[in-house]
Protein backbone atom coordinates (compact mmCIF):
# COMPACT_ATOMS: atom_id res chain seq x y z
CA MET A 1 0.04 0.04 -0.01
CA GLU A 2 1.29 3.43 -0.95
CA GLN A 3 2.31 5.58 1.94
CA GLY A 4 0.03 8.76 2.62
CA ARG A 5 -3.02 7.07 1.20
CA GLU A 6 -5.91 5.54 3.14
CA ARG A 7 -7.23 2.18 1.95
CA GLU A 8 -10.76 2.36 0.88
CA THR A 9 -13.04 -0.61 1.43
CA PRO A 10 -16.68 -1.12 0.10
CA GLY A 11 -19.08 0.99 2.18
CA THR A 12 -16.40 3.06 3.83
CA ARG A 13 -15.80 5.86 1.27
CA PRO A 14 -15.20 9.30 2.82
CA GLY A 15 -18.67 10.76 3.39
CA GLY A 16 -20.32 7.46 2.63
CA ALA A 17 -21.69 7.05 6.12
CA ARG A 18 -23.17 10.55 5.99
CA VAL A 19 -24.88 9.83 2.71
CA THR A 20 -26.26 6.54 4.02
CA VAL A 21 -27.61 8.20 7.22
CA HIS A 22 -29.16 10.97 5.14
CA ARG A 23 -30.93 8.45 2.88
CA LEU A 24 -32.12 6.41 5.86
CA ALA A 25 -33.44 9.61 7.51
CA GLY A 26 -35.30 10.50 4.39
CA ARG A 27 -36.80 7.05 4.16
CA LEU A 28 -37.73 7.21 7.80
CA ARG A 29 -39.51 10.50 7.32
CA ARG A 30 -41.39 9.20 4.27
CA GLY A 31 -42.30 6.10 6.23
CA LEU A 32 -43.49 8.14 9.18
CA LEU A 33 -45.71 10.29 6.87
CA ALA A 34 -47.17 7.16 5.31
CA ALA A 35 -47.75 5.67 8.81
CA LEU A 36 -49.48 8.77 10.01
CA VAL A 37 -51.83 8.89 6.98
CA ALA A 38 -52.47 5.20 7.10
CA ALA A 39 -53.43 5.46 10.70
CA ALA A 40 -55.75 8.36 10.05
CA VAL A 41 -57.43 6.35 7.27
CA ALA A 42 -57.79 3.42 9.69
CA VAL A 43 -59.39 5.42 12.44
CA PRO A 44 -63.08 4.84 12.43
CA LEU A 45 -64.76 8.17 11.33
CA ALA A 46 -67.37 7.96 14.10
CA GLY A 47 -67.60 11.68 14.21
CA ALA A 48 -68.67 11.93 10.63
CA ALA A 49 -71.59 9.50 11.27
CA ARG A 50 -72.87 11.49 14.30
CA PRO A 51 -76.26 13.23 13.66
CA GLN A 52 -75.82 16.95 12.86
CA ALA A 53 -77.85 19.73 14.50
CA PRO A 54 -80.62 20.74 11.94
CA ALA A 55 -80.50 24.33 10.71
CA PRO A 56 -82.13 26.56 8.13
CA PRO A 57 -80.27 27.33 4.88
CA PRO A 58 -78.22 30.52 4.91
CA ALA A 59 -79.71 33.91 3.98
CA ARG A 60 -79.37 34.70 0.25
CA LEU A 61 -77.94 38.09 -0.15
CA PRO A 62 -76.00 40.13 -2.72
CA PRO A 63 -72.25 40.71 -1.95
CA PRO A 64 -71.79 43.08 0.93
CA ALA A 65 -71.48 46.84 0.23
CA VAL A 66 -70.90 49.80 2.42
CA ALA A 67 -74.46 51.13 2.04
CA GLY A 68 -76.07 47.76 2.96
CA LEU A 69 -73.51 46.45 5.47
CA ASP A 70 -75.94 46.80 8.44
CA ALA A 71 -78.67 44.99 6.53
CA THR A 72 -76.18 42.21 5.74
CA TYR A 73 -75.29 41.89 9.44
CA ALA A 74 -78.98 41.88 10.40
CA ALA A 75 -80.00 39.13 7.93
CA HIS A 76 -77.24 36.77 9.11
CA ARG A 77 -77.93 37.53 12.74
CA ALA A 78 -81.63 36.60 12.08
CA ASN A 79 -80.48 33.37 10.47
CA ALA A 80 -78.24 32.55 13.41
CA ALA A 81 -81.19 33.15 15.81
CA GLU A 82 -83.34 30.81 13.76
CA ALA A 83 -80.68 28.20 13.74
CA ALA A 84 -80.37 28.57 17.56
CA ARG A 85 -84.13 27.98 17.94
CA THR A 86 -84.04 24.94 15.67
CA ALA A 87 -81.13 23.43 17.41
CA ALA A 88 -82.73 23.96 20.87
CA GLU A 89 -85.95 22.34 19.67
CA HIS A 90 -84.02 19.21 18.67
CA GLY A 91 -82.05 19.03 21.92
CA TYR A 92 -78.73 20.50 20.72
CA ARG A 93 -78.32 22.83 23.65
CA ASP A 94 -74.60 23.65 23.39
CA ARG A 95 -74.94 24.42 19.64
CA ALA A 96 -78.05 26.53 20.43
CA ALA A 97 -76.18 28.52 22.99
CA THR A 98 -73.29 29.22 20.62
CA GLU A 99 -75.71 30.30 17.91
CA ARG A 100 -77.61 32.56 20.21
CA GLY A 101 -74.30 34.32 20.94
CA LEU A 102 -73.50 34.64 17.23
CA ALA A 103 -76.97 36.11 16.71
CA ALA A 104 -75.79 39.30 18.59
CA ARG A 105 -72.68 39.78 16.51
CA ARG A 106 -71.65 41.39 13.20
CA LEU A 107 -71.84 38.47 10.73
CA LEU A 108 -70.85 38.80 7.12
CA TYR A 109 -72.06 35.18 6.63
CA PHE A 110 -73.62 32.40 8.75
CA ASP A 111 -74.65 28.75 7.82
CA GLY A 112 -75.62 26.59 10.69
CA ARG A 113 -75.80 23.37 8.69
CA GLY A 114 -73.33 20.62 9.38
CA ALA A 115 -70.23 21.72 11.28
CA GLY A 116 -71.19 25.30 10.30
CA LEU A 117 -69.68 28.30 8.62
CA VAL A 118 -69.24 31.76 10.19
CA THR A 119 -67.61 35.03 9.05
CA GLU A 120 -67.61 37.60 11.86
CA VAL A 121 -66.33 41.11 11.94
CA LEU A 122 -64.75 42.68 14.87
CA GLY A 123 -64.46 46.56 14.48
CA ASP A 124 -65.72 49.01 12.00
CA LEU A 125 -65.00 47.31 8.71
CA ALA A 126 -66.52 50.12 6.57
CA HIS A 127 -63.94 52.64 7.81
CA ALA A 128 -60.98 50.33 8.60
CA GLY A 129 -57.74 51.14 7.00
CA ARG A 130 -56.01 48.01 8.39
CA VAL A 131 -57.82 44.66 8.22
CA ALA A 132 -56.76 41.33 9.40
CA VAL A 133 -58.43 38.22 8.10
CA LEU A 134 -57.96 35.11 10.23
CA VAL A 135 -58.00 31.71 8.54
CA PRO A 136 -58.28 28.74 10.98
CA GLY A 137 -56.89 25.24 10.84
CA SER A 138 -58.36 21.85 11.58
CA ASP A 139 -61.25 20.92 13.92
CA THR A 140 -62.82 24.47 13.71
CA GLY A 141 -66.57 24.76 13.45
CA ILE A 142 -69.45 26.25 15.25
CA ASP A 143 -69.09 23.88 18.15
CA THR A 144 -65.50 25.04 18.72
CA TYR A 145 -65.96 28.58 17.45
CA ALA A 146 -65.32 30.23 20.80
CA ARG A 147 -61.68 29.05 20.65
CA PHE A 148 -61.22 30.59 17.22
CA ARG A 149 -63.06 33.80 18.13
CA ALA A 150 -60.83 34.31 21.17
CA THR A 151 -57.82 34.67 18.81
CA ALA A 152 -59.70 37.29 16.85
CA VAL A 153 -60.62 39.15 20.00
CA ALA A 154 -57.04 39.20 21.29
CA LEU A 155 -55.79 40.53 17.99
CA HIS A 156 -58.48 43.17 17.69
CA GLN A 157 -57.89 44.42 21.29
CA ARG A 158 -54.17 44.91 20.63
CA LEU A 159 -54.73 46.48 17.24
CA THR A 160 -57.11 48.95 18.82
CA ARG A 161 -54.60 49.85 21.55
CA GLU A 162 -51.66 50.26 19.20
CA ALA A 163 -53.09 51.74 16.02
CA PRO A 164 -51.79 55.27 15.28
CA ALA A 165 -54.24 58.14 15.77
CA GLY A 166 -56.79 58.29 12.96
CA VAL A 167 -56.15 54.67 11.84
CA ARG A 168 -59.16 52.33 12.26
CA THR A 169 -58.82 48.55 12.32
CA ALA A 170 -60.96 45.54 11.96
CA VAL A 171 -60.52 41.77 12.28
CA VAL A 172 -62.50 39.29 10.20
CA ALA A 173 -62.75 35.79 11.65
CA TRP A 174 -63.33 33.66 8.57
CA LEU A 175 -64.62 30.17 9.25
CA GLY A 176 -65.54 29.95 5.62
CA TYR A 177 -64.74 26.29 4.81
CA GLU A 178 -65.18 22.83 6.20
CA THR A 179 -62.02 22.38 8.07
CA PRO A 180 -60.49 18.85 8.23
CA GLY A 181 -60.40 16.80 11.41
CA THR A 182 -56.94 16.68 13.06
CA VAL A 183 -57.10 12.84 12.81
CA SER A 184 -58.44 12.30 9.33
CA PRO A 185 -57.01 11.65 5.89
CA SER A 186 -58.04 15.10 4.67
CA VAL A 187 -55.72 16.95 7.06
CA ALA A 188 -52.68 15.58 5.21
CA THR A 189 -53.84 16.54 1.66
CA THR A 190 -54.72 19.71 -0.14
CA GLY A 191 -58.27 18.67 -1.00
CA ARG A 192 -60.09 20.85 1.59
CA ALA A 193 -57.87 23.75 0.84
CA GLU A 194 -58.46 23.65 -2.91
CA GLY A 195 -62.26 23.74 -2.30
CA ALA A 196 -61.81 26.64 0.13
CA ALA A 197 -59.57 28.84 -2.01
CA PRO A 198 -62.20 30.36 -4.27
CA GLU A 199 -64.25 31.25 -1.16
CA LEU A 200 -61.35 32.93 0.50
CA ARG A 201 -60.64 34.98 -2.63
CA ALA A 202 -64.31 35.98 -2.74
CA LEU A 203 -64.16 37.01 0.92
CA VAL A 204 -61.12 39.14 0.35
CA ARG A 205 -62.87 40.84 -2.59
CA ASP A 206 -65.84 41.60 -0.31
CA VAL A 207 -63.59 43.05 2.34
CA ARG A 208 -61.99 45.26 -0.27
CA ALA A 209 -65.45 46.50 -1.43
CA VAL A 210 -66.43 47.47 2.08
CA ALA A 211 -63.29 48.64 3.87
CA ALA A 212 -61.72 52.05 3.42
CA PRO A 213 -60.04 52.80 0.06
CA ARG A 214 -56.49 51.36 -0.19
CA ALA A 215 -56.86 49.53 3.03
CA ARG A 216 -53.98 47.20 4.13
CA VAL A 217 -55.36 43.61 4.19
CA SER A 218 -53.34 40.98 5.89
CA LEU A 219 -54.22 37.23 6.01
CA LEU A 220 -53.12 35.36 9.23
CA CYS A 221 -53.21 31.67 8.41
CA HIS A 222 -52.98 29.12 11.14
CA SER A 223 -51.88 25.52 10.69
CA TYR A 224 -53.98 23.87 7.93
CA GLY A 225 -55.27 27.34 7.21
CA SER A 226 -51.80 28.07 5.69
CA VAL A 227 -52.52 25.52 3.07
CA VAL A 228 -55.85 27.27 2.23
CA CYS A 229 -54.10 30.64 1.94
CA ALA A 230 -51.39 29.12 -0.24
CA ARG A 231 -53.99 27.70 -2.54
CA ALA A 232 -55.76 31.11 -2.80
CA ALA A 233 -52.61 33.15 -3.04
CA ALA A 234 -52.22 33.63 -6.77
CA GLY A 235 -55.61 35.40 -7.12
CA LEU A 236 -55.69 36.94 -3.67
CA ASP A 237 -55.67 40.81 -3.27
CA ALA A 238 -53.82 40.86 0.00
CA ASP A 239 -50.87 42.84 1.27
CA ASP A 240 -49.59 40.17 3.65
CA LEU A 241 -49.73 36.38 3.89
CA VAL A 242 -48.70 35.12 7.29
CA PHE A 243 -48.12 31.39 7.96
CA LEU A 244 -48.43 30.35 11.64
CA GLY A 245 -47.52 26.93 12.78
CA SER A 246 -47.72 25.73 9.17
CA PRO A 247 -47.21 22.03 8.26
CA GLY A 248 -46.15 23.29 4.85
CA THR A 249 -48.17 25.01 2.14
CA GLY A 250 -47.85 22.71 -0.88
CA ALA A 251 -45.45 25.10 -2.48
CA ASP A 252 -41.65 24.59 -2.67
CA THR A 253 -40.90 28.30 -2.17
CA ALA A 254 -42.75 31.59 -1.38
CA ALA A 255 -42.07 32.63 -4.94
CA ASP A 256 -44.06 29.64 -6.22
CA LEU A 257 -47.23 31.17 -4.54
CA ARG A 258 -47.21 33.82 -7.33
CA THR A 259 -48.49 36.56 -5.05
CA ARG A 260 -47.71 40.22 -4.74
CA ALA A 261 -48.15 40.01 -0.97
CA ARG A 262 -45.38 39.94 1.48
CA VAL A 263 -45.02 36.32 2.72
CA TRP A 264 -44.25 35.84 6.42
CA ALA A 265 -43.81 32.65 8.48
CA ALA A 266 -43.34 31.84 12.20
CA ARG A 267 -43.29 28.85 14.48
CA GLY A 268 -43.29 28.85 18.28
CA ALA A 269 -40.49 27.00 20.08
CA ALA A 270 -42.97 24.54 21.59
CA ASP A 271 -45.07 24.01 18.51
CA TRP A 272 -45.49 20.30 17.77
CA VAL A 273 -45.78 20.95 14.08
CA GLU A 274 -41.99 21.18 13.92
CA HIS A 275 -41.98 17.44 14.08
CA VAL A 276 -44.29 16.91 11.15
CA PRO A 277 -42.31 15.59 8.10
CA HIS A 278 -41.92 18.46 5.65
CA LEU A 279 -42.18 16.51 2.38
CA ASP A 280 -44.82 15.31 0.03
CA ALA A 281 -45.31 11.87 -1.47
CA ALA A 282 -47.65 9.98 -3.70
CA LEU A 283 -49.79 7.79 -1.57
CA PHE A 284 -53.17 6.16 -1.92
CA GLY A 285 -53.60 7.80 -5.41
CA THR A 286 -53.11 11.33 -4.03
CA THR A 287 -50.30 13.64 -2.85
CA VAL A 288 -49.85 13.57 0.83
CA GLY A 289 -47.90 16.15 2.80
CA PHE A 290 -47.16 19.80 2.02
CA GLY A 291 -43.48 19.99 1.17
CA THR A 292 -40.92 22.62 2.31
CA ASP A 293 -41.05 23.97 5.80
CA PRO A 294 -42.19 27.71 5.50
CA VAL A 295 -39.77 28.78 8.22
CA SER A 296 -36.79 27.23 6.36
CA GLU A 297 -34.28 29.39 4.50
CA GLU A 298 -34.95 27.67 1.22
CA TYR A 299 -38.63 28.55 1.38
CA GLY A 300 -37.81 32.29 1.31
CA ALA A 301 -40.47 33.76 3.60
CA ARG A 302 -39.89 36.55 6.06
CA VAL A 303 -39.36 34.52 9.22
CA PHE A 304 -40.25 36.36 12.43
CA ALA A 305 -40.06 35.50 16.08
CA ALA A 306 -42.96 33.77 17.75
CA GLY A 307 -41.58 33.17 21.22
CA ASP A 308 -41.83 29.99 23.27
CA GLY A 309 -45.49 29.21 22.64
CA GLY A 310 -47.12 26.08 21.35
CA HIS A 311 -49.40 25.46 18.41
CA SER A 312 -52.37 27.27 19.82
CA ASP A 313 -50.49 30.15 21.42
CA TYR A 314 -49.82 32.52 18.48
CA PHE A 315 -52.54 35.01 19.53
CA ALA A 316 -51.97 34.61 23.36
CA PRO A 317 -52.33 38.09 25.02
CA GLY A 318 -48.93 39.54 25.89
CA SER A 319 -47.06 37.13 23.63
CA LEU A 320 -44.16 37.98 21.30
CA SER A 321 -46.01 36.40 18.40
CA LEU A 322 -49.19 38.61 18.93
CA ALA A 323 -46.96 41.79 19.13
CA ASN A 324 -45.30 40.84 15.79
CA LEU A 325 -48.67 39.99 14.16
CA THR A 326 -49.98 43.41 15.23
CA ARG A 327 -46.94 45.13 13.74
CA ILE A 328 -47.49 43.30 10.46
CA VAL A 329 -51.16 44.13 10.27
CA LEU A 330 -50.52 47.84 11.13
CA GLY A 331 -47.77 48.02 8.47
CA HIS A 332 -45.00 48.51 10.99
CA THR A 333 -42.87 45.89 9.25
CA GLN A 334 -39.61 47.46 10.28
CA GLU A 335 -40.43 46.81 13.91
CA VAL A 336 -41.13 43.09 13.46
CA THR A 337 -38.51 41.00 15.35
CA ARG A 338 -36.83 38.29 13.50
């Protein structure tokens, strides 16, 4: 053997061990993803078989306009009140109580059928120069609406406190699609998001028609809601797209979204979504998973600090994430901490 040269044997080439480990890790991630989806498919969908509270169909109205905004609110409040009476008559007391509460609020849309759809406005939308649209993730419906609404209330309160003099703000809580269950096949595919995307684009057009001219509109998209926002992005008239606790968006990079909006992303230090495999794979005749991690450098979003919170803590009062979200919505982007 020549001096100064190491003898190579099969399987021990320099860097070979690293390559092998990398491949094994990739296979492990793909296997984990397949196992998760297979488990979701195997879980009995007992919830889907449960009887749903009966409800009247939604009010049929033209798109909202400034002149008729109060009438729009009133019509959907009346529909929510009727849905509450119907639910109570059939023994759905919790649903009835939630719908009675909704009947006292500013509703751009209400449909009490099935899991339910709600679009609620907090603030004076007709005069708002800064508007945040919240897009929820899995397991959100009328029966869990209080949890989603709490995030909207926390953001609205902070916006109200921190908005510059003369700047009005509004928050739109958009439960405008049938969200997937956390343990279900649909939560790992883009199917629900693709169906929701046209509705989200229409909602933003309605907001633009009602809000102050040249209002800044920011979409804050949580968890699976980030997949919805990504699917709608190319035709969405928004100034900011913000992905919070995202499992991925189905796009390899922010540029692939083909949007003029600023694209932001954040993940709390204790958010379990960090451990979701960030890849996509053909499985069971569909594409499973959502690809590149939005907080990764290769994705290309503006990554900002979200503090130590978990998956449900992005709007927690007093949190770093809520402070940064407020700055984004107000347009104070230079103050956002990275």
